[in-house]
Amino acid sequence: MTKNIQNDNQYIAKSKSSVNNSYRLAYHMLPPIGWLNDPNGLVYFKERYHLYYQFNPYASCPGRMCWGHFVSKDLIDYVDDGVALKPDIEGASAYSGGAIDYNNGSRLAALYTLHQEVNGIRTEEVYKATSHNGFSFDRGVKIFDNEYLPDNLSRSDFRDPCPVLIGDTYYVFLGGKDVNLNKGVIVVLSGKTLDRLHYAFSLGPYYQLGEMCECPCYFRVDGKDVILASGCNVPERDNDFKNVNSSVFIVGELDFEKGTMAVDYIKEIDKGDAFYAPQFIRGISTPVMIGWLEMWERKYPTREKAHGWVGAFSIPREVSIRDGDIFQNPVQTLNAYLRDVPEGSVPKCADITLRFGGEGYIKIVGDNGCVTVGKDSGVYLDTNFTNNLFGCVRRTNRSYDECDVRILLDVSSIEVFVDDGREVISSRIYIDGSYTTEIGGNVRQICIKEVVKK
């Protein structure tokens, strides 16, 4: 494993200067070169955030996947540390998974999906690798035999292990499929250690998990059990699930002993077309999640234009529950990077707050495109005129008489937080040149700050 990783990191160091920086984000985490998708193994360990991710450094598309590695002390400023984890089995990939502080803080355990395809046959198995520092891992070992799954659960669509310690027992959440129903389920394994796991129970199926569940992740939030989960091929319903895949909050009370969950509600996390596979950060008391700021089955302009990279993390988002609903907002550490700008100026990297007192809009205009955040009955994001590369109109589920909105811009991304993060709409934008604004209708209390990395 070590020699292969050294070769990968030498390639990255030699080749990353060839990447076109035109649309590279400034304060979101993104790969030095190649392809990034799911966040993996997000954990606070030995006074640093270790944020791993699905990574193919050799092309701006998926391939033989490994875990890339970001290191940060505040979730905004970060160092890219190249490849951290990669199987030493010929042709195998390290697909998504989670990490947890292990052995009373002396080790970090990374659980990942060992993915192989041989002669058209796919296998996905749960492997564990450990590290004493979060930077280098020992050889992975298999810790669960798929043959012990119930007969109705797929043995080949079985991935994304995410561990949590409840009392003195480890529970590992995985994405799965009920092959009899062709529906997604959450599979839970357990063990007193992570050396060997056994099947515990499964949750679902739920409509919101479609034909296959991916990337389930558990956290206790303000007195409620919350599972993040992503569903494949979820049928569109009203204003929900307009992408091929979608991610949801599952909120309720989970009984680990009985293996049941009383669900209060299931809510789509992001109404936009660029958010998937979120995961909570382990090792901290505040619930913070990060998602992939992209989506499957779409054109990726930085690939189409041969810029040499695709993918980024969403802004890390603090999650809270109040008044019977779940909210998400940018991590508070972002505030340390905000700077005043001259009146009328709109930076490419901006934090814009405003209040819609009724119907209105703010349009951000560049040389060859524009993007609009507006309010009619609800709040909407219109990216239909962003450089003619792609676009859509997405909107909130709720109607609002008045509401506050926070907009984060970062070169080629936009994240819109509505009503203090009750609803969020995220997308990618590719607009050249400097920005100006056009404002119409009942828009008040506009404040524009620049986001400047230290």
Foldseek 3Di string as FASTA:
>chain_A
DVVVQVVQVVCLVVPLVLFDCQQPFDFFFFDSFAEWAWWAAFACAPQKTKIWTWGDRPHNDDDQTFIWIWIGNQLGDIDTLGGAGAAPPPQWHFAHAHWAQPDPRQKIKGWTWTWHADPNDIATFIWIWMDRPSRYTDHIDGAEDLVQDPPQKDRRQKTHWYWDDDPQKIKTWIKIARNVVLAIKIWIWMDSHSNHIHGQAIDDDDLLQGRIKGQWEWDQAPNKIKIKIKHAQRDDDDQPDPERIFIKIFIAHADRNVGYTDTPDIGTQASAQFWDNKYFYPDDNFTKIKTKRHHPDADFVSNVVVSRYDTTIDQIWTWHDDPHAIFIDHDPSQVVQWAADPPQFAAQWKKKKWKFQAWKKKWKDADFFIWIWTAHQWIKIWRCTQNNRHTDIHTDPHGDNMWMWIWGGTSFKIWIAIRRGRHIYIHTGHGDHGIGMDIDDRMGDIGMIGGHDD
